[in-house]
Amino acid sequence: MDNQRLIIWGLFGIMAYWTWQAWQQYYAPPPADPEIVETAPLDEIVDGLPGIGETATESEGGDALPSVEGSSSPEAIEQAADTEAETIVVTTDVFRIEISTRGGTLIAATMLNYPQDKDDPDTLVQLMSTDSDDLGRINSFLRAVGDREAPDHTTIWQTGRTDYDLGNDDELVVSLQWAGEDGTSVEKRFIFTRGSYAIRLEHVLTNNADTAWGGDQVTQIQRRSYEQERSMFDVDSYSFDGAQIFDGEGADKLKRGDLIDDGPFEVTSDAGWYASIEHHFLSAIVPEQGVRNRYHIRVSDSLLTASVLEAKSAAPGETIVFERTLFIGPKLQEQLNEIHPKLKLTVDYGFLTLLSQPMFWLLSWIYSFVGNWGLAIIGTTIVIKLVFYKLTESSGRSMAKMREIQPRMKALQDRYKDDRQALSQAMMDLYKREKVNPAAGCLPILIQMPFFLAFYWVLVESVEMRQAPFALWLTDLSSRDPFFILPLIMGAAMLFQQKLNPAPADPVQARVMQIMPIMFTAMFAFFPSGLVLYWVTNTLLSIAQQWKINKVVHAETTAKKQGKKKKPKAKDE
């Protein structure tokens, strides 16, 4: 009995805390915007902005490469600024990309199929931007050993056109050219594919000189960085925002505070990738697998800079290719898996990944048949209920038996109302004779909690669920019910479910159980409507299951009584 009370009070406390958090999130004054340090525009890049520290990289020839800080000296930037850069606009069926001819830098990326808000379809999600409060860009340039030349982040690339449209083609190539005075020439290619958020980046270097060329390719993601205010009910702020790296063994999230306190992070891998992740979207660099790359991540003020470096050499007359895959877009797990089998780890399901991943797969599989995420949630709930049917049936039978012996429990309470110790002993004896477990009613909730939490993260982290409609007023399953109708239905269903179960013998527990539907209704009012739909469906299925079990147990009890010969009642009954 004490264990049951402890479980109930524990659940009650958790619900009270969550409800208070929800109230604070929606009705407390909004927190002040994080302070963002102004970042210079592209034509005023400060010394060292794309740098990777003073560490030199050894080329295959054995000579030390200059640091990136050295290649971005104030003199070099001032000289490059004399030439006006142009902006190349690339439009595909999934996004619009802007590329500056200075450095061939990606300076803007707009997601054509993802509005910021469903009620404002014209305002689209932008992952790359020159705005100082939401800065994002991808730099890619070369560094050369010794006195050989290479196009860096200040170089003005030559292009024949500034507007590209994929149109009806399946592939689009944007080509930029540069030629040095030492016989080195480079073609920089951005290759876009229909329906894909991946961009293949190539530096094709031809060494027309009489001496070998040695150097490396540096690819950088630069993104605004700030401390996050976390709240369970503000999904955007709770979802991790920052750097994530896969080193070939595990995917680690690098927190801003750790990078500031511990300094830059460095690792070398031939099977890794780097990503700057945020809720539902990411920007990533995926090098060729099996090729040695060095990763360097640092935070400076409000800017996160991640550099991925690969060294190569070209003999006289030789052409070499540096190749990368960039990904700028939503966390579509199918596309991420095609690029790298571990890139889908950027979908942050937290410690319940092992449970959330199969649930997402099941949801997606059912969705492929029904074409509606709301129906997919209902179908997934039914499958989960069937999997645990036998286990919950055992608990349900115990509760049904408790319901049948309630008159006898009431008689014991009246008999021993002044002796709690004798009452407890008499009740335990009754439970033992009837083979009833009074704590069995808590089992279904305990079973459901991991699935509930896993489902929560599937709904809030899977971009496939973002702004997904169901029916009628439920136009976005990843956000709360705008009219609170579904939470009210859920509360009513929970109240009805309680009527099918016996009331706890302890009056305090009985009062807590009466309050539970109200607390759940208040708490779920702020949860994603898809999660409430899951709980409503599960509750309705539980009601149907318990109603059937009650009917069967009652029939069994009646038949048992009728088949017995009349016997004198036991003294304690």
Protein backbone atom coordinates (compact mmCIF):
# COMPACT_ATOMS: atom_id res chain seq x y z
CA MET A 1 0.00 0.00 0.00
CA ASP A 2 2.85 2.39 0.88
CA ASN A 3 4.54 1.66 -2.47
CA GLN A 4 1.35 2.46 -4.33
CA ARG A 5 0.99 5.73 -2.46
CA LEU A 6 4.61 6.63 -3.22
CA ILE A 7 4.13 6.00 -6.96
CA ILE A 8 0.93 8.07 -7.07
CA TRP A 9 2.44 11.00 -5.18
CA GLY A 10 5.53 10.83 -7.38
CA LEU A 11 3.43 11.04 -10.55
CA PHE A 12 1.33 13.81 -9.01
CA GLY A 13 4.46 15.82 -8.17
CA ILE A 14 5.86 15.44 -11.67
CA MET A 15 2.60 16.58 -13.23
CA ALA A 16 2.39 19.57 -10.91
CA TYR A 17 5.94 20.62 -11.85
CA TRP A 18 5.30 20.22 -15.58
CA THR A 19 2.06 22.19 -15.35
CA TRP A 20 3.82 25.02 -13.51
CA GLN A 21 6.52 25.07 -16.19
CA ALA A 22 3.85 25.24 -18.88
CA TRP A 23 2.08 28.12 -17.13
CA GLN A 24 5.34 30.03 -16.77
CA GLN A 25 6.21 29.40 -20.42
CA TYR A 26 2.96 30.74 -21.83
CA TYR A 27 2.00 33.45 -19.34
CA ALA A 28 5.20 34.67 -17.71
CA PRO A 29 6.95 37.74 -19.24
CA PRO A 30 9.13 36.69 -22.17
CA PRO A 31 12.87 36.48 -21.46
CA ALA A 32 15.13 39.13 -22.86
CA ASP A 33 16.62 38.38 -26.25
CA PRO A 34 20.15 36.99 -26.04
CA GLU A 35 22.85 39.55 -26.65
CA ILE A 36 24.37 39.08 -30.09
CA VAL A 37 27.72 40.62 -30.85
CA GLU A 38 27.67 42.44 -34.16
CA THR A 39 29.49 40.51 -36.88
CA ALA A 40 31.04 42.28 -39.86
CA PRO A 41 29.56 41.72 -43.30
CA LEU A 42 31.42 39.62 -45.82
CA ASP A 43 33.26 42.53 -47.39
CA GLU A 44 34.63 43.56 -43.96
CA ILE A 45 35.84 40.21 -42.62
CA VAL A 46 38.05 40.81 -39.61
CA ASP A 47 41.51 39.32 -39.19
CA GLY A 48 41.33 35.66 -38.23
CA LEU A 49 37.56 35.24 -38.68
CA PRO A 50 37.85 32.03 -40.70
CA GLY A 51 40.89 30.90 -38.76
CA ILE A 52 41.71 27.60 -37.11
CA GLY A 53 44.33 28.72 -34.60
CA GLU A 54 48.07 28.81 -35.16
CA THR A 55 48.42 25.06 -35.74
CA ALA A 56 50.05 24.23 -39.10
CA THR A 57 48.97 21.29 -41.24
CA GLU A 58 51.63 19.13 -42.86
CA SER A 59 51.17 18.57 -46.59
CA GLU A 60 52.22 15.40 -48.33
CA GLY A 61 55.42 17.15 -49.34
CA GLY A 62 56.32 17.73 -45.73
CA ASP A 63 56.18 21.57 -45.77
CA ALA A 64 54.06 23.44 -43.25
CA LEU A 65 50.92 25.11 -44.52
CA PRO A 66 50.35 28.72 -43.46
CA SER A 67 47.70 29.29 -40.80
CA VAL A 68 44.35 30.56 -42.00
CA GLU A 69 44.92 33.69 -39.92
CA GLY A 70 47.97 34.37 -42.00
CA SER A 71 46.02 34.08 -45.25
CA SER A 72 43.39 36.54 -44.01
CA SER A 73 45.62 39.42 -42.97
CA PRO A 74 44.12 42.94 -42.96
CA GLU A 75 46.24 43.84 -45.98
CA ALA A 76 44.88 40.92 -48.04
CA ILE A 77 41.31 41.75 -47.09
CA GLU A 78 41.73 45.44 -47.88
CA GLN A 79 43.21 44.59 -51.28
CA ALA A 80 40.35 42.15 -52.08
CA ALA A 81 37.73 44.68 -51.01
CA ASP A 82 38.78 46.98 -53.88
CA THR A 83 37.01 44.60 -56.25
CA GLU A 84 33.22 44.57 -56.06
CA ALA A 85 31.79 41.08 -55.44
CA GLU A 86 28.64 39.78 -57.10
CA THR A 87 25.93 37.53 -55.72
CA ILE A 88 24.96 34.34 -57.55
CA VAL A 89 21.38 33.20 -56.95
CA VAL A 90 20.64 29.48 -57.37
CA THR A 91 17.05 28.24 -57.27
CA THR A 92 16.12 24.56 -57.12
CA ASP A 93 12.85 22.84 -56.27
CA VAL A 94 13.71 22.76 -52.54
CA PHE A 95 15.74 25.87 -51.71
CA ARG A 96 17.19 29.17 -52.90
CA ILE A 97 20.93 29.59 -52.36
CA GLU A 98 22.97 32.79 -52.59
CA ILE A 99 26.70 32.58 -53.28
CA SER A 100 29.09 35.54 -53.08
CA THR A 101 31.80 35.60 -55.71
CA ARG A 102 34.15 36.79 -52.96
CA GLY A 103 35.50 33.49 -51.72
CA GLY A 104 32.68 31.57 -53.40
CA THR A 105 30.94 31.76 -50.01
CA LEU A 106 27.39 30.51 -49.38
CA ILE A 107 25.80 33.52 -47.69
CA ALA A 108 22.08 32.69 -47.74
CA ALA A 109 19.87 29.60 -47.89
CA THR A 110 16.07 29.81 -47.93
CA MET A 111 13.91 26.68 -47.56
CA LEU A 112 11.16 27.01 -50.19
CA ASN A 113 8.92 24.31 -48.68
CA TYR A 114 9.21 25.29 -45.01
CA PRO A 115 7.45 28.47 -43.80
CA GLN A 116 8.39 29.84 -40.39
CA ASP A 117 4.74 29.75 -39.39
CA LYS A 118 1.89 27.86 -40.99
CA ASP A 119 -0.29 30.99 -40.83
CA ASP A 120 2.34 33.01 -42.70
CA PRO A 121 3.40 30.84 -45.68
CA ASP A 122 5.33 33.67 -47.35
CA THR A 123 7.92 33.95 -44.56
CA LEU A 124 10.26 31.03 -45.17
CA VAL A 125 12.87 29.38 -42.97
CA GLN A 126 16.34 30.80 -43.66
CA LEU A 127 19.37 28.77 -42.52
CA MET A 128 22.15 30.93 -43.95
CA SER A 129 22.01 34.70 -43.57
CA THR A 130 24.19 37.83 -43.45
CA ASP A 131 22.03 39.28 -40.65
CA SER A 132 24.18 39.80 -37.58
CA ASP A 133 21.54 38.37 -35.22
CA ASP A 134 21.17 35.15 -37.24
CA LEU A 135 24.47 34.92 -39.06
CA GLY A 136 25.22 31.79 -41.07
CA ARG A 137 27.52 31.02 -43.99
CA ILE A 138 29.75 28.33 -45.47
CA ASN A 139 33.27 29.28 -46.57
CA SER A 140 35.43 27.02 -48.71
CA PHE A 141 38.90 27.87 -49.97
CA LEU A 142 42.38 26.48 -50.58
CA ARG A 143 45.74 27.07 -48.90
CA ALA A 144 49.08 26.45 -50.60
CA VAL A 145 52.51 25.48 -49.27
CA GLY A 146 55.48 27.77 -49.77
CA ASP A 147 55.28 30.36 -52.58
CA ARG A 148 52.55 28.59 -54.55
CA GLU A 149 49.21 30.33 -55.02
CA ALA A 150 45.68 29.29 -54.04
CA PRO A 151 42.29 31.03 -53.97
CA ASP A 152 41.36 31.95 -50.40
CA HIS A 153 38.21 33.35 -48.77
CA THR A 154 38.93 36.87 -50.11
CA THR A 155 39.43 35.80 -53.73
CA ILE A 156 36.98 37.16 -56.31
CA TRP A 157 35.94 34.22 -58.48
CA GLN A 158 34.98 34.67 -62.12
CA THR A 159 31.60 33.48 -63.36
CA GLY A 160 29.71 33.70 -66.60
CA ARG A 161 26.28 34.25 -64.98
CA THR A 162 24.73 35.22 -61.68
CA ASP A 163 21.34 33.50 -61.92
CA TYR A 164 20.75 29.73 -62.05
CA ASP A 165 17.47 27.81 -62.02
CA LEU A 166 17.19 24.02 -61.90
CA GLY A 167 13.98 24.16 -63.93
CA ASN A 168 13.07 20.73 -65.27
CA ASP A 169 16.61 19.36 -65.07
CA ASP A 170 17.71 16.75 -62.54
CA GLU A 171 21.12 18.33 -61.93
CA LEU A 172 22.53 21.85 -61.92
CA VAL A 173 26.23 22.79 -61.90
CA VAL A 174 27.38 26.26 -60.83
CA SER A 175 30.96 26.80 -61.99
CA LEU A 176 33.44 29.47 -60.76
CA GLN A 177 36.96 29.97 -62.15
CA TRP A 178 40.24 31.31 -60.81
CA ALA A 179 43.74 31.42 -62.35
CA GLY A 180 46.95 32.25 -60.50
CA GLU A 181 50.13 33.77 -61.86
CA ASP A 182 52.20 30.70 -60.92
CA GLY A 183 50.41 28.35 -63.34
CA THR A 184 47.77 27.14 -60.87
CA SER A 185 44.13 27.21 -61.98
CA VAL A 186 41.06 26.15 -60.01
CA GLU A 187 37.47 25.50 -60.96
CA LYS A 188 35.04 25.58 -58.04
CA ARG A 189 31.81 23.65 -58.60
CA PHE A 190 28.56 23.58 -56.66
CA ILE A 191 26.43 20.65 -57.89
CA PHE A 192 22.72 20.62 -57.02
CA THR A 193 20.29 17.70 -57.48
CA ARG A 194 16.51 17.71 -57.81
CA GLY A 195 14.67 17.01 -54.55
CA SER A 196 17.87 17.02 -52.50
CA TYR A 197 19.22 19.41 -49.86
CA ALA A 198 22.73 18.09 -50.45
CA ILE A 199 25.25 20.15 -52.42
CA ARG A 200 28.36 18.53 -53.82
CA LEU A 201 31.30 20.91 -53.55
CA GLU A 202 34.40 20.39 -55.70
CA HIS A 203 37.68 22.28 -56.07
CA VAL A 204 39.27 21.05 -59.31
CA LEU A 205 42.90 22.21 -59.24
CA THR A 206 45.19 21.94 -62.28
CA ASN A 207 48.92 22.45 -61.74
CA ASN A 208 50.37 23.86 -64.99
CA ALA A 209 53.67 24.84 -63.35
CA ASP A 210 56.98 22.99 -63.42
CA THR A 211 56.97 22.38 -59.66
CA ALA A 212 54.60 20.41 -57.45
CA TRP A 213 51.68 22.12 -55.75
CA GLY A 214 50.88 21.17 -52.15
CA GLY A 215 48.14 22.45 -49.92
CA ASP A 216 44.76 21.77 -48.42
CA GLN A 217 41.08 22.57 -48.75
CA VAL A 218 39.40 24.33 -45.85
CA THR A 219 35.62 24.14 -45.55
CA GLN A 220 33.96 26.11 -42.78
CA ILE A 221 30.53 26.55 -41.29
CA GLN A 222 30.14 29.81 -39.39
CA ARG A 223 26.99 30.21 -37.31
CA ARG A 224 25.73 32.57 -34.62
CA SER A 225 26.19 31.19 -31.13
CA TYR A 226 24.47 32.11 -27.87
CA GLU A 227 23.45 30.60 -24.56
CA GLN A 228 20.08 28.85 -24.66
CA GLU A 229 17.27 29.36 -22.18
CA ARG A 230 15.85 25.88 -21.71
CA SER A 231 12.21 24.99 -21.05
CA MET A 232 10.48 21.68 -21.69
CA PHE A 233 7.47 23.47 -23.14
CA ASP A 234 9.42 25.73 -25.49
CA VAL A 235 10.53 23.09 -27.97
CA ASP A 236 12.71 25.38 -30.07
CA SER A 237 14.78 26.46 -27.07
CA TYR A 238 14.98 22.99 -25.52
CA SER A 239 16.21 21.29 -28.68
CA PHE A 240 20.01 21.45 -28.89
CA ASP A 241 21.39 24.35 -30.91
CA GLY A 242 25.08 24.23 -31.71
CA ALA A 243 27.94 22.05 -32.93
CA GLN A 244 27.84 18.30 -33.40
CA ILE A 245 30.66 16.12 -34.69
CA PHE A 246 30.94 12.47 -35.64
CA ASP A 247 34.51 11.19 -35.37
CA GLY A 248 33.88 7.74 -36.81
CA GLU A 249 32.87 6.24 -33.48
CA GLY A 250 30.28 8.47 -31.82
CA ALA A 251 28.35 11.68 -32.44
CA ASP A 252 29.16 14.29 -29.79
CA LYS A 253 27.36 17.56 -29.18
CA LEU A 254 29.83 20.33 -28.32
CA LYS A 255 28.29 22.78 -25.90
CA ARG A 256 29.10 26.46 -26.25
CA GLY A 257 30.25 26.73 -22.62
CA ASP A 258 32.67 23.82 -22.99
CA LEU A 259 34.22 25.31 -26.14
CA ILE A 260 34.67 28.63 -24.34
CA ASP A 261 36.08 27.10 -21.13
CA ASP A 262 38.21 24.35 -22.68
CA GLY A 263 39.22 26.10 -25.87
CA PRO A 264 38.97 24.84 -29.48
CA PHE A 265 38.11 21.21 -30.14
CA GLU A 266 40.23 19.21 -32.60
CA VAL A 267 39.99 15.68 -33.93
CA THR A 268 41.22 13.76 -37.00
CA SER A 269 39.04 11.17 -38.72
CA ASP A 270 38.61 9.43 -42.07
CA ALA A 271 34.92 8.56 -41.48
CA GLY A 272 33.46 11.65 -39.84
CA TRP A 273 31.27 14.67 -40.45
CA TYR A 274 30.49 18.01 -38.83
CA ALA A 275 27.09 19.67 -38.40
CA SER A 276 25.67 22.86 -36.98
CA ILE A 277 22.26 21.74 -35.74
CA GLU A 278 19.13 23.51 -34.57
CA HIS A 279 15.54 22.45 -34.12
CA HIS A 280 14.41 20.55 -37.26
CA PHE A 281 17.25 21.89 -39.46
CA LEU A 282 21.01 21.60 -39.89
CA SER A 283 24.01 22.66 -41.94
CA ALA A 284 26.63 19.96 -42.38
CA ILE A 285 29.99 19.18 -43.97
CA VAL A 286 30.51 15.54 -44.96
CA PRO A 287 33.98 14.83 -46.43
CA GLU A 288 34.83 11.88 -48.63
CA GLN A 289 34.83 8.74 -46.49
CA GLY A 290 38.16 6.98 -46.16
CA VAL A 291 40.08 10.26 -46.62
CA ARG A 292 41.90 11.80 -43.66
CA ASN A 293 40.36 15.08 -42.51
CA ARG A 294 41.06 17.33 -39.56
CA TYR A 295 38.21 19.03 -37.69
CA HIS A 296 38.65 22.22 -35.68
CA ILE A 297 35.72 23.85 -33.82
CA ARG A 298 35.88 27.04 -31.79
CA VAL A 299 33.64 29.77 -30.37
CA SER A 300 34.56 33.45 -30.50
CA ASP A 301 32.10 35.86 -28.91
CA SER A 302 28.80 35.11 -30.67
CA LEU A 303 30.29 33.17 -33.60
CA LEU A 304 30.79 29.41 -33.88
CA THR A 305 33.39 28.45 -36.51
CA ALA A 306 34.02 24.86 -37.57
CA SER A 307 36.77 24.06 -40.07
CA VAL A 308 37.27 20.78 -41.91
CA LEU A 309 40.67 20.42 -43.62
CA GLU A 310 42.02 17.94 -46.18
CA ALA A 311 45.60 18.03 -47.57
CA LYS A 312 46.63 16.98 -51.09
CA SER A 313 49.43 17.55 -53.60
CA ALA A 314 49.56 17.83 -57.38
CA ALA A 315 52.59 17.00 -59.53
CA PRO A 316 53.41 19.26 -62.52
CA GLY A 317 50.68 18.87 -65.15
CA GLU A 318 48.41 16.95 -62.74
CA THR A 319 44.77 17.72 -61.90
CA ILE A 320 43.41 16.91 -58.44
CA VAL A 321 39.92 17.22 -56.99
CA PHE A 322 38.95 18.19 -53.44
CA GLU A 323 35.41 16.99 -52.82
CA ARG A 324 32.88 17.60 -50.06
CA THR A 325 29.15 17.13 -49.58
CA LEU A 326 27.34 20.02 -47.95
CA PHE A 327 23.86 19.62 -46.49
CA ILE A 328 21.69 22.65 -45.79
CA GLY A 329 18.11 21.85 -44.93
CA PRO A 330 15.60 19.96 -42.81
CA LYS A 331 16.53 16.80 -40.89
CA LEU A 332 14.88 14.43 -43.35
CA GLN A 333 16.21 11.12 -42.10
CA GLU A 334 15.98 9.32 -45.43
CA GLN A 335 18.15 11.94 -47.15
CA LEU A 336 20.57 12.12 -44.22
CA ASN A 337 21.03 8.36 -44.29
CA GLU A 338 21.87 8.45 -48.01
CA ILE A 339 24.69 10.94 -47.39
CA HIS A 340 26.16 9.20 -44.33
CA PRO A 341 24.69 6.30 -42.32
CA LYS A 342 25.27 8.18 -39.06
CA LEU A 343 24.17 11.65 -40.16
CA LYS A 344 20.61 10.94 -38.96
CA LEU A 345 22.01 11.14 -35.42
CA THR A 346 21.59 14.89 -35.81
CA VAL A 347 17.91 14.19 -35.10
CA ASP A 348 18.15 14.64 -31.35
CA TYR A 349 15.92 12.05 -29.65
CA GLY A 350 18.06 12.20 -26.51
CA PHE A 351 18.53 9.20 -24.21
CA LEU A 352 15.41 7.52 -25.66
CA THR A 353 16.87 7.24 -29.17
CA LEU A 354 16.78 3.43 -29.02
CA LEU A 355 13.02 3.62 -28.46
CA SER A 356 12.22 6.74 -30.50
CA GLN A 357 13.97 5.54 -33.67
CA PRO A 358 11.84 2.37 -34.06
CA MET A 359 8.71 4.39 -33.23
CA PHE A 360 9.55 6.88 -35.96
CA TRP A 361 10.15 4.02 -38.39
CA LEU A 362 6.76 2.53 -37.49
CA LEU A 363 5.06 5.92 -37.84
CA SER A 364 6.67 6.48 -41.24
CA TRP A 365 5.72 2.99 -42.42
CA ILE A 366 2.06 3.47 -41.45
CA TYR A 367 2.12 6.98 -42.96
CA SER A 368 3.24 5.50 -46.29
CA PHE A 369 -0.14 3.72 -46.41
CA VAL A 370 -2.54 6.27 -44.88
CA GLY A 371 -0.93 9.53 -46.02
CA ASN A 372 -1.89 11.40 -42.83
CA TRP A 373 0.38 11.76 -39.79
CA GLY A 374 -2.60 11.92 -37.41
CA LEU A 375 -3.89 8.59 -38.68
CA ALA A 376 -0.32 7.25 -38.50
CA ILE A 377 -0.20 8.23 -34.80
CA ILE A 378 -3.50 6.43 -34.17
CA GLY A 379 -2.25 3.36 -36.03
CA THR A 380 1.04 3.34 -34.10
CA THR A 381 -0.84 3.62 -30.81
CA ILE A 382 -2.96 0.60 -31.74
CA VAL A 383 0.16 -1.42 -32.59
CA ILE A 384 1.81 -0.52 -29.26
CA LYS A 385 -1.40 -1.42 -27.43
CA LEU A 386 -1.51 -4.81 -29.13
CA VAL A 387 2.13 -5.51 -28.27
CA PHE A 388 1.46 -4.93 -24.56
CA TYR A 389 -2.07 -6.33 -24.56
CA LYS A 390 -1.29 -9.46 -22.52
CA LEU A 391 0.69 -7.52 -19.94
CA THR A 392 -1.99 -4.87 -19.46
CA GLU A 393 -4.67 -7.56 -19.53
CA SER A 394 -3.13 -9.17 -16.43
CA SER A 395 -3.18 -5.82 -14.67
CA GLY A 396 -6.74 -5.20 -15.88
CA ARG A 397 -7.98 -8.53 -14.50
CA SER A 398 -6.48 -7.70 -11.12
CA MET A 399 -8.28 -4.35 -11.10
CA ALA A 400 -11.52 -6.02 -12.17
CA LYS A 401 -11.24 -8.45 -9.27
CA MET A 402 -10.62 -5.51 -6.96
CA ARG A 403 -13.85 -4.03 -8.25
CA GLU A 404 -15.72 -7.28 -7.52
CA ILE A 405 -14.51 -7.50 -3.91
CA GLN A 406 -15.16 -3.83 -3.12
CA PRO A 407 -18.30 -4.59 -1.02
CA ARG A 408 -16.22 -6.95 1.11
CA MET A 409 -13.46 -4.33 1.41
CA LYS A 410 -16.05 -1.79 2.53
CA ALA A 411 -17.31 -4.22 5.18
CA LEU A 412 -13.77 -4.67 6.51
CA GLN A 413 -13.26 -0.90 6.65
CA ASP A 414 -16.44 -0.51 8.68
CA ARG A 415 -15.48 -3.38 11.02
CA TYR A 416 -11.92 -2.18 11.70
CA LYS A 417 -12.40 1.57 11.34
CA ASP A 418 -10.76 2.16 14.74
CA ASP A 419 -7.85 -0.25 14.27
CA ARG A 420 -5.70 0.57 11.24
CA GLN A 421 -3.24 -2.23 11.90
CA ALA A 422 -5.97 -4.86 12.04
CA LEU A 423 -7.59 -3.35 8.93
CA SER A 424 -4.34 -3.53 6.98
CA GLN A 425 -3.82 -7.17 7.99
CA ALA A 426 -7.42 -8.11 7.10
CA MET A 427 -7.11 -6.38 3.73
CA MET A 428 -3.84 -8.15 2.95
CA ASP A 429 -5.40 -11.49 3.82
CA LEU A 430 -8.34 -10.72 1.51
CA TYR A 431 -5.99 -9.75 -1.36
CA LYS A 432 -4.04 -12.96 -0.83
CA ARG A 433 -7.13 -15.19 -0.86
CA GLU A 434 -8.55 -13.54 -3.97
CA LYS A 435 -5.12 -13.31 -5.68
CA VAL A 436 -5.43 -9.57 -6.18
CA ASN A 437 -2.56 -7.07 -6.49
CA PRO A 438 -3.70 -3.58 -5.36
CA ALA A 439 -0.69 -1.94 -7.05
CA ALA A 440 -1.52 -3.45 -10.45
CA GLY A 441 -3.35 -0.28 -11.50
CA CYS A 442 -0.05 1.60 -11.61
CA LEU A 443 1.50 -0.89 -14.03
CA PRO A 444 -0.14 0.45 -17.23
CA ILE A 445 1.05 3.99 -16.47
CA LEU A 446 4.59 2.80 -15.75
CA ILE A 447 4.62 0.82 -19.01
CA GLN A 448 3.32 3.78 -21.01
CA MET A 449 5.71 6.43 -19.65
CA PRO A 450 8.82 5.46 -21.70
CA PHE A 451 6.69 5.27 -24.86
CA PHE A 452 5.02 8.55 -23.96
CA LEU A 453 8.39 10.30 -23.61
CA ALA A 454 9.78 8.63 -26.74
CA PHE A 455 6.67 9.67 -28.68
CA TYR A 456 7.10 13.21 -27.36
CA TRP A 457 10.58 13.48 -28.83
CA VAL A 458 9.52 11.87 -32.11
CA LEU A 459 6.81 14.52 -32.47
CA VAL A 460 8.91 17.53 -31.55
CA GLU A 461 12.21 16.49 -33.19
CA SER A 462 11.11 14.86 -36.45
CA VAL A 463 10.79 17.54 -39.10
CA GLU A 464 8.37 15.26 -40.94
CA MET A 465 5.86 16.11 -38.17
CA ARG A 466 6.49 19.85 -38.38
CA GLN A 467 3.24 21.67 -39.24
CA ALA A 468 1.68 18.33 -40.23
CA PRO A 469 -2.15 18.58 -40.36
CA PHE A 470 -4.59 15.98 -39.07
CA ALA A 471 -8.24 17.01 -39.42
CA LEU A 472 -10.66 19.85 -38.67
CA TRP A 473 -9.02 22.37 -36.31
CA LEU A 474 -5.85 20.30 -35.80
CA THR A 475 -3.64 21.79 -38.51
CA ASP A 476 -0.26 21.24 -36.82
CA LEU A 477 0.40 18.06 -34.84
CA SER A 478 3.72 19.40 -33.55
CA SER A 479 2.10 22.34 -31.74
CA ARG A 480 -0.57 22.55 -29.04
CA ASP A 481 -4.29 22.37 -29.76
CA PRO A 482 -5.28 26.02 -30.39
CA PHE A 483 -8.73 25.51 -28.86
CA PHE A 484 -7.77 22.96 -26.15
CA ILE A 485 -10.53 20.64 -27.38
CA LEU A 486 -8.39 17.51 -27.57
CA PRO A 487 -7.00 17.92 -24.01
CA LEU A 488 -10.57 18.31 -22.71
CA ILE A 489 -11.58 15.12 -24.53
CA MET A 490 -8.59 13.41 -23.00
CA GLY A 491 -9.54 14.58 -19.49
CA ALA A 492 -13.10 13.34 -19.92
CA ALA A 493 -11.84 9.99 -21.19
CA MET A 494 -9.50 9.62 -18.21
CA LEU A 495 -12.38 10.44 -15.84
CA PHE A 496 -14.53 7.78 -17.46
CA GLN A 497 -11.62 5.32 -17.31
CA GLN A 498 -11.42 5.84 -13.55
CA LYS A 499 -15.08 4.86 -13.21
CA LEU A 500 -14.21 1.42 -14.60
CA ASN A 501 -11.61 0.85 -11.88
CA PRO A 502 -12.16 0.44 -8.15
CA ALA A 503 -11.58 3.49 -5.99
CA PRO A 504 -8.47 3.26 -3.78
CA ALA A 505 -9.17 2.22 -0.21
CA ASP A 506 -7.04 5.08 1.08
CA PRO A 507 -9.13 8.32 0.97
CA VAL A 508 -5.99 10.41 0.28
CA GLN A 509 -5.11 8.24 -2.71
CA ALA A 510 -8.70 8.42 -3.88
CA ARG A 511 -8.58 12.23 -3.80
CA VAL A 512 -5.29 12.26 -5.73
CA MET A 513 -6.75 9.95 -8.37
CA GLN A 514 -9.76 12.28 -8.72
CA ILE A 515 -7.49 15.26 -9.31
CA MET A 516 -5.29 13.41 -11.83
CA PRO A 517 -7.55 13.94 -14.88
CA ILE A 518 -7.65 17.67 -14.13
CA MET A 519 -3.87 17.82 -13.79
CA PHE A 520 -3.34 15.81 -16.97
CA THR A 521 -5.76 18.07 -18.86
CA ALA A 522 -3.92 21.21 -17.71
CA MET A 523 -0.52 19.72 -18.50
CA PHE A 524 -1.45 18.27 -21.90
CA ALA A 525 -3.03 21.55 -22.95
CA PHE A 526 0.50 22.78 -23.72
CA PHE A 527 1.86 19.60 -25.28
CA PRO A 528 1.94 18.97 -29.06
CA SER A 529 -1.53 17.96 -30.23
CA GLY A 530 -0.05 14.83 -31.81
CA LEU A 531 1.07 13.68 -28.37
CA VAL A 532 -2.40 14.39 -26.94
CA LEU A 533 -3.89 12.43 -29.84
CA TYR A 534 -1.65 9.50 -28.89
CA TRP A 535 -2.77 9.65 -25.25
CA VAL A 536 -6.47 10.04 -26.14
CA THR A 537 -6.27 7.03 -28.47
CA ASN A 538 -4.44 5.00 -25.86
CA THR A 539 -6.99 5.96 -23.17
CA LEU A 540 -9.95 5.02 -25.37
CA LEU A 541 -8.34 1.66 -26.18
CA SER A 542 -7.68 1.11 -22.47
CA ILE A 543 -11.32 1.91 -21.69
CA ALA A 544 -12.50 -0.63 -24.25
CA GLN A 545 -10.06 -3.24 -22.93
CA GLN A 546 -10.97 -2.67 -19.28
CA TRP A 547 -14.72 -2.66 -20.01
CA LYS A 548 -14.36 -6.05 -21.70
CA ILE A 549 -12.20 -7.44 -18.87
CA ASN A 550 -14.66 -6.18 -16.24
CA LYS A 551 -17.51 -7.90 -18.07
CA VAL A 552 -15.60 -11.20 -18.32
CA VAL A 553 -14.42 -11.16 -14.69
CA HIS A 554 -17.92 -10.29 -13.46
CA ALA A 555 -19.35 -13.23 -15.42
CA GLU A 556 -16.66 -15.53 -14.03
CA THR A 557 -17.31 -14.34 -10.47
CA THR A 558 -21.08 -14.79 -10.84
CA ALA A 559 -20.67 -18.29 -12.27
CA LYS A 560 -18.28 -19.19 -9.48
CA LYS A 561 -20.74 -18.05 -6.83
CA GLN A 562 -23.63 -19.91 -8.44
CA GLY A 563 -21.60 -23.13 -8.75
CA LYS A 564 -20.62 -23.15 -5.10
CA LYS A 565 -22.64 -24.71 -2.34
CA LYS A 566 -23.78 -22.35 0.31
CA LYS A 567 -21.25 -22.05 3.09
CA PRO A 568 -21.20 -19.96 6.26
CA LYS A 569 -19.40 -16.66 5.77
CA ALA A 570 -15.92 -16.17 7.12
CA LYS A 571 -15.66 -14.24 10.40
CA ASP A 572 -13.83 -11.33 8.81
CA GLU A 573 -16.43 -10.97 6.07
